[in-house]
Amino acid sequence: MTTEFDLLSDEWVDALVAATASAPESTARPATVALTIGKTRRAVLALEAGRVTGAGSDDDVTVTVPFTAAQLNDLLAGRESLATSYVKGDVKPDGAIGGFLSLVELFESTDLSSAAN
């Protein structure tokens, strides 16, 4: 059973932390990534070794990635690929590509469906 969270809420970030806690460590670069939906909904994630370690600080954001709610849900549920969405131009990160690639590795290598609605 999937618990519903408001996307980008504190509870949602906690669900990502739980979903990635047992993920295999990776060599992905540490990054602080801001995910946005529209102009007002925002979550900042701290990524370390292929895991979400918690909420990050706005001061440390290296890349911002805008999504629609449907798009983010499809990515989390595994119905869409973040890498493919980027190549097709459906996702347009703003900032350091290294931070975005850390997010891509996380989305592509970990089951995040427990954080999807």
C-alpha atoms as a PDB file:
ATOM      1  CA  MET A   1       0.000   0.000   0.000  1.00  0.00           C
ATOM      2  CA  THR A   2       1.342   3.417  -0.942  1.00  0.00           C
ATOM      3  CA  THR A   3       0.951   6.275   1.491  1.00  0.00           C
ATOM      4  CA  GLU A   4       0.008   9.536  -0.156  1.00  0.00           C
ATOM      5  CA  PHE A   5       2.139  12.557   0.596  1.00  0.00           C
ATOM      6  CA  ASP A   6       1.919  16.057  -0.739  1.00  0.00           C
ATOM      7  CA  LEU A   7       4.690  16.119  -3.298  1.00  0.00           C
ATOM      8  CA  LEU A   8       7.662  18.163  -2.072  1.00  0.00           C
ATOM      9  CA  SER A   9       6.389  18.300   1.530  1.00  0.00           C
ATOM     10  CA  ASP A  10       8.586  17.509   4.545  1.00  0.00           C
ATOM     11  CA  GLU A  11       6.836  14.130   4.833  1.00  0.00           C
ATOM     12  CA  TRP A  12       7.613  13.451   1.187  1.00  0.00           C
ATOM     13  CA  VAL A  13      11.313  14.202   1.751  1.00  0.00           C
ATOM     14  CA  ASP A  14      11.228  11.809   4.735  1.00  0.00           C
ATOM     15  CA  ALA A  15       9.678   9.137   2.474  1.00  0.00           C
ATOM     16  CA  LEU A  16      12.549   9.584   0.003  1.00  0.00           C
ATOM     17  CA  VAL A  17      15.078   9.257   2.820  1.00  0.00           C
ATOM     18  CA  ALA A  18      13.404   5.985   3.882  1.00  0.00           C
ATOM     19  CA  ALA A  19      13.130   4.708   0.293  1.00  0.00           C
ATOM     20  CA  THR A  20      16.827   5.285  -0.388  1.00  0.00           C
ATOM     21  CA  ALA A  21      18.276   4.300   3.002  1.00  0.00           C
ATOM     22  CA  SER A  22      18.991   0.720   1.946  1.00  0.00           C
ATOM     23  CA  ALA A  23      20.013   1.560  -1.615  1.00  0.00           C
ATOM     24  CA  PRO A  24      23.491   0.409  -2.577  1.00  0.00           C
ATOM     25  CA  GLU A  25      26.099   3.115  -2.160  1.00  0.00           C
ATOM     26  CA  SER A  26      27.127   4.719  -5.395  1.00  0.00           C
ATOM     27  CA  THR A  27      29.949   6.937  -6.522  1.00  0.00           C
ATOM     28  CA  ALA A  28      27.505   9.716  -7.438  1.00  0.00           C
ATOM     29  CA  ARG A  29      28.719  13.141  -6.440  1.00  0.00           C
ATOM     30  CA  PRO A  30      27.208  14.715  -3.333  1.00  0.00           C
ATOM     31  CA  ALA A  31      24.701  17.348  -4.401  1.00  0.00           C
ATOM     32  CA  THR A  32      22.016  19.642  -3.110  1.00  0.00           C
ATOM     33  CA  VAL A  33      19.142  19.677  -5.567  1.00  0.00           C
ATOM     34  CA  ALA A  34      15.986  21.804  -5.570  1.00  0.00           C
ATOM     35  CA  LEU A  35      12.895  20.204  -7.097  1.00  0.00           C
ATOM     36  CA  THR A  36      10.029  22.508  -7.988  1.00  0.00           C
ATOM     37  CA  ILE A  37       6.421  22.198  -9.090  1.00  0.00           C
ATOM     38  CA  GLY A  38       5.108  25.451 -10.457  1.00  0.00           C
ATOM     39  CA  LYS A  39       6.336  28.657  -8.858  1.00  0.00           C
ATOM     40  CA  THR A  40       5.527  27.965  -5.221  1.00  0.00           C
ATOM     41  CA  ARG A  41       6.125  24.289  -4.380  1.00  0.00           C
ATOM     42  CA  ARG A  42       9.749  23.454  -3.672  1.00  0.00           C
ATOM     43  CA  ALA A  43      11.825  20.828  -1.878  1.00  0.00           C
ATOM     44  CA  VAL A  44      15.579  20.866  -1.431  1.00  0.00           C
ATOM     45  CA  LEU A  45      17.208  17.436  -1.228  1.00  0.00           C
ATOM     46  CA  ALA A  46      20.668  16.576   0.052  1.00  0.00           C
ATOM     47  CA  LEU A  47      22.094  13.673  -1.980  1.00  0.00           C
ATOM     48  CA  GLU A  48      25.056  11.612  -0.807  1.00  0.00           C
ATOM     49  CA  ALA A  49      26.379   8.328  -2.253  1.00  0.00           C
ATOM     50  CA  GLY A  50      23.185   7.684  -4.212  1.00  0.00           C
ATOM     51  CA  ARG A  51      20.820   8.345  -1.294  1.00  0.00           C
ATOM     52  CA  VAL A  52      18.633  11.183  -0.107  1.00  0.00           C
ATOM     53  CA  THR A  53      20.020  12.085   3.307  1.00  0.00           C
ATOM     54  CA  GLY A  54      17.408  14.708   4.158  1.00  0.00           C
ATOM     55  CA  ALA A  55      16.359  18.226   3.373  1.00  0.00           C
ATOM     56  CA  GLY A  56      19.134  20.377   2.017  1.00  0.00           C
ATOM     57  CA  SER A  57      19.802  24.060   2.518  1.00  0.00           C
ATOM     58  CA  ASP A  58      18.730  26.657  -0.029  1.00  0.00           C
ATOM     59  CA  ASP A  59      22.207  28.164   0.312  1.00  0.00           C
ATOM     60  CA  ASP A  60      23.802  24.944  -0.984  1.00  0.00           C
ATOM     61  CA  VAL A  61      21.575  24.308  -4.041  1.00  0.00           C
ATOM     62  CA  THR A  62      23.674  23.549  -7.112  1.00  0.00           C
ATOM     63  CA  VAL A  63      20.843  22.736  -9.524  1.00  0.00           C
ATOM     64  CA  THR A  64      17.101  23.361  -9.692  1.00  0.00           C
ATOM     65  CA  VAL A  65      14.880  20.921 -11.560  1.00  0.00           C
ATOM     66  CA  PRO A  66      11.315  21.990 -12.432  1.00  0.00           C
ATOM     67  CA  PHE A  67       8.601  19.354 -12.838  1.00  0.00           C
ATOM     68  CA  THR A  68       4.858  19.103 -13.173  1.00  0.00           C
ATOM     69  CA  ALA A  69       3.161  17.054 -10.437  1.00  0.00           C
ATOM     70  CA  ALA A  70       2.163  14.366 -12.969  1.00  0.00           C
ATOM     71  CA  GLN A  71       5.666  14.223 -14.408  1.00  0.00           C
ATOM     72  CA  LEU A  72       7.289  13.841 -10.981  1.00  0.00           C
ATOM     73  CA  ASN A  73       4.820  11.106 -10.001  1.00  0.00           C
ATOM     74  CA  ASP A  74       5.524   9.210 -13.220  1.00  0.00           C
ATOM     75  CA  LEU A  75       9.272   9.442 -12.590  1.00  0.00           C
ATOM     76  CA  LEU A  76       8.957   8.293  -8.980  1.00  0.00           C
ATOM     77  CA  ALA A  77       6.659   5.426  -9.923  1.00  0.00           C
ATOM     78  CA  GLY A  78       9.085   4.265 -12.601  1.00  0.00           C
ATOM     79  CA  ARG A  79       6.661   4.898 -15.469  1.00  0.00           C
ATOM     80  CA  GLU A  80       9.080   7.405 -16.999  1.00  0.00           C
ATOM     81  CA  SER A  81      12.868   7.726 -17.012  1.00  0.00           C
ATOM     82  CA  LEU A  82      14.500  10.961 -15.821  1.00  0.00           C
ATOM     83  CA  ALA A  83      17.398  10.431 -18.234  1.00  0.00           C
ATOM     84  CA  THR A  84      15.051   9.928 -21.176  1.00  0.00           C
ATOM     85  CA  SER A  85      12.913  12.903 -20.129  1.00  0.00           C
ATOM     86  CA  TYR A  86      16.045  15.058 -20.108  1.00  0.00           C
ATOM     87  CA  VAL A  87      17.193  13.839 -23.530  1.00  0.00           C
ATOM     88  CA  LYS A  88      13.710  14.517 -24.977  1.00  0.00           C
ATOM     89  CA  GLY A  89      13.767  18.034 -23.484  1.00  0.00           C
ATOM     90  CA  ASP A  90      10.883  17.369 -21.094  1.00  0.00           C
ATOM     91  CA  VAL A  91      13.047  18.119 -18.034  1.00  0.00           C
ATOM     92  CA  LYS A  92      15.241  21.215 -18.071  1.00  0.00           C
ATOM     93  CA  PRO A  93      17.591  21.495 -15.091  1.00  0.00           C
ATOM     94  CA  ASP A  94      19.021  24.906 -14.255  1.00  0.00           C
ATOM     95  CA  GLY A  95      22.507  24.814 -12.739  1.00  0.00           C
ATOM     96  CA  ALA A  96      25.343  22.346 -12.327  1.00  0.00           C
ATOM     97  CA  ILE A  97      24.942  19.273 -14.509  1.00  0.00           C
ATOM     98  CA  GLY A  98      26.877  17.178 -11.967  1.00  0.00           C
ATOM     99  CA  GLY A  99      24.152  17.676  -9.370  1.00  0.00           C
ATOM    100  CA  PHE A 100      21.510  16.791 -11.931  1.00  0.00           C
ATOM    101  CA  LEU A 101      23.386  13.626 -12.901  1.00  0.00           C
ATOM    102  CA  SER A 102      23.433  12.595  -9.228  1.00  0.00           C
ATOM    103  CA  LEU A 103      19.645  12.993  -9.225  1.00  0.00           C
ATOM    104  CA  VAL A 104      19.366  10.978 -12.449  1.00  0.00           C
ATOM    105  CA  GLU A 105      21.411   8.155 -10.933  1.00  0.00           C
ATOM    106  CA  LEU A 106      19.184   8.157  -7.860  1.00  0.00           C
ATOM    107  CA  PHE A 107      15.966   8.069  -9.906  1.00  0.00           C
ATOM    108  CA  GLU A 108      17.285   5.422 -12.301  1.00  0.00           C
ATOM    109  CA  SER A 109      18.801   3.047  -9.737  1.00  0.00           C
ATOM    110  CA  THR A 110      16.427   3.116  -6.761  1.00  0.00           C
ATOM    111  CA  ASP A 111      12.788   2.110  -6.307  1.00  0.00           C
ATOM    112  CA  LEU A 112      11.145   5.382  -5.315  1.00  0.00           C
ATOM    113  CA  SER A 113       7.569   4.230  -5.858  1.00  0.00           C
ATOM    114  CA  SER A 114       6.784   4.534  -2.123  1.00  0.00           C
ATOM    115  CA  ALA A 115       7.144   8.308  -2.514  1.00  0.00           C
ATOM    116  CA  ALA A 116       4.812   8.518  -5.551  1.00  0.00           C
ATOM    117  CA  ASN A 117       1.122   9.372  -5.264  1.00  0.00           C
END
